[in-house]
């Protein structure tokens, strides 16, 4: 997985075709986004540090409004 922008992660999360789950464990929070049971992106938050990751081909899962990049 590689780092992606927050706006791209939000685009994937808000897509009705995708499912997501969140998990908290102490100071660590994880949000994973799936498309057809395939993990396509995740957000890791440890204390105040937040990182967004996407699979190599994550751009094919973005909705039209965010594919201008």
C-alpha atoms as a PDB file:
ATOM      1  CA  UNK A   1       0.000   0.000   0.000  1.00  0.00           C
ATOM      2  CA  UNK A   2       1.075   3.558  -0.621  1.00  0.00           C
ATOM      3  CA  UNK A   3       0.231   6.897   0.949  1.00  0.00           C
ATOM      4  CA  UNK A   4      -2.796   8.690  -0.522  1.00  0.00           C
ATOM      5  CA  UNK A   5      -4.449  12.047   0.164  1.00  0.00           C
ATOM      6  CA  UNK A   6      -7.268  12.453   2.702  1.00  0.00           C
ATOM      7  CA  UNK A   7      -9.657  13.631  -0.032  1.00  0.00           C
ATOM      8  CA  UNK A   8      -9.023  10.429  -2.010  1.00  0.00           C
ATOM      9  CA  UNK A   9      -9.628   8.318   1.097  1.00  0.00           C
ATOM     10  CA  UNK A  10     -12.879  10.188   1.814  1.00  0.00           C
ATOM     11  CA  UNK A  11     -13.972   9.662  -1.797  1.00  0.00           C
ATOM     12  CA  UNK A  12     -13.480   5.903  -1.398  1.00  0.00           C
ATOM     13  CA  UNK A  13     -15.195   5.827   2.009  1.00  0.00           C
ATOM     14  CA  UNK A  14     -18.266   7.764   0.882  1.00  0.00           C
ATOM     15  CA  UNK A  15     -18.853   5.592  -2.194  1.00  0.00           C
ATOM     16  CA  UNK A  16     -22.031   3.531  -1.649  1.00  0.00           C
ATOM     17  CA  UNK A  17     -20.476   0.560  -3.481  1.00  0.00           C
ATOM     18  CA  UNK A  18     -17.740   0.255  -0.850  1.00  0.00           C
ATOM     19  CA  UNK A  19     -17.949  -1.093   2.681  1.00  0.00           C
ATOM     20  CA  UNK A  20     -15.826   0.024   5.592  1.00  0.00           C
ATOM     21  CA  UNK A  21     -15.106  -1.054   9.124  1.00  0.00           C
ATOM     22  CA  UNK A  22     -13.387   0.701  11.998  1.00  0.00           C
ATOM     23  CA  UNK A  23     -11.486  -0.662  14.955  1.00  0.00           C
ATOM     24  CA  UNK A  24     -10.057   1.060  18.018  1.00  0.00           C
ATOM     25  CA  UNK A  25      -7.438  -0.300  20.352  1.00  0.00           C
ATOM     26  CA  UNK A  26      -6.141   2.176  22.911  1.00  0.00           C
ATOM     27  CA  UNK A  27      -4.424   5.050  21.076  1.00  0.00           C
ATOM     28  CA  UNK A  28      -4.645   3.294  17.696  1.00  0.00           C
ATOM     29  CA  UNK A  29      -7.650   3.558  15.375  1.00  0.00           C
ATOM     30  CA  UNK A  30      -7.957   1.816  12.015  1.00  0.00           C
ATOM     31  CA  UNK A  31     -10.546   2.302   9.267  1.00  0.00           C
ATOM     32  CA  UNK A  32     -10.475  -0.192   6.385  1.00  0.00           C
ATOM     33  CA  UNK A  33     -12.357   0.206   3.089  1.00  0.00           C
ATOM     34  CA  UNK A  34     -13.376  -2.829   1.050  1.00  0.00           C
ATOM     35  CA  UNK A  35     -14.758  -3.309  -2.442  1.00  0.00           C
ATOM     36  CA  UNK A  36     -16.176  -6.804  -3.038  1.00  0.00           C
ATOM     37  CA  UNK A  37     -14.299  -8.100   0.028  1.00  0.00           C
ATOM     38  CA  UNK A  38     -10.991  -6.715  -1.319  1.00  0.00           C
ATOM     39  CA  UNK A  39      -9.128  -4.273   0.919  1.00  0.00           C
ATOM     40  CA  UNK A  40      -8.548  -1.122  -1.151  1.00  0.00           C
ATOM     41  CA  UNK A  41      -7.641   1.524   1.449  1.00  0.00           C
ATOM     42  CA  UNK A  42      -7.062   2.097   5.126  1.00  0.00           C
ATOM     43  CA  UNK A  43      -6.604   4.941   7.585  1.00  0.00           C
ATOM     44  CA  UNK A  44      -4.267   4.564  10.550  1.00  0.00           C
ATOM     45  CA  UNK A  45      -4.508   6.993  13.435  1.00  0.00           C
ATOM     46  CA  UNK A  46      -2.034   6.657  16.285  1.00  0.00           C
ATOM     47  CA  UNK A  47      -2.501   9.432  18.834  1.00  0.00           C
ATOM     48  CA  UNK A  48      -2.396  12.616  16.691  1.00  0.00           C
ATOM     49  CA  UNK A  49      -0.710  11.050  13.644  1.00  0.00           C
ATOM     50  CA  UNK A  50      -3.073  10.162  10.776  1.00  0.00           C
ATOM     51  CA  UNK A  51      -1.968   8.345   7.617  1.00  0.00           C
ATOM     52  CA  UNK A  52      -4.053   7.246   4.628  1.00  0.00           C
ATOM     53  CA  UNK A  53      -3.048   4.283   2.474  1.00  0.00           C
ATOM     54  CA  UNK A  54      -4.389   2.852  -0.770  1.00  0.00           C
ATOM     55  CA  UNK A  55      -3.573  -0.165  -2.886  1.00  0.00           C
ATOM     56  CA  UNK A  56      -1.525   0.376  -6.036  1.00  0.00           C
ATOM     57  CA  UNK A  57      -4.597   0.571  -8.294  1.00  0.00           C
ATOM     58  CA  UNK A  58      -6.800   2.556  -5.867  1.00  0.00           C
ATOM     59  CA  UNK A  59      -7.515   5.294  -8.461  1.00  0.00           C
ATOM     60  CA  UNK A  60      -9.774   2.947 -10.447  1.00  0.00           C
ATOM     61  CA  UNK A  61     -12.115   2.853  -7.414  1.00  0.00           C
ATOM     62  CA  UNK A  62     -12.493   6.653  -7.132  1.00  0.00           C
ATOM     63  CA  UNK A  63     -15.726   8.298  -8.234  1.00  0.00           C
ATOM     64  CA  UNK A  64     -15.664  10.676 -11.207  1.00  0.00           C
ATOM     65  CA  UNK A  65     -15.496  13.920  -9.255  1.00  0.00           C
ATOM     66  CA  UNK A  66     -12.071  13.028  -7.790  1.00  0.00           C
ATOM     67  CA  UNK A  67     -10.316  11.583 -10.850  1.00  0.00           C
ATOM     68  CA  UNK A  68      -8.992  14.899 -12.172  1.00  0.00           C
ATOM     69  CA  UNK A  69      -5.549  14.278 -10.631  1.00  0.00           C
END
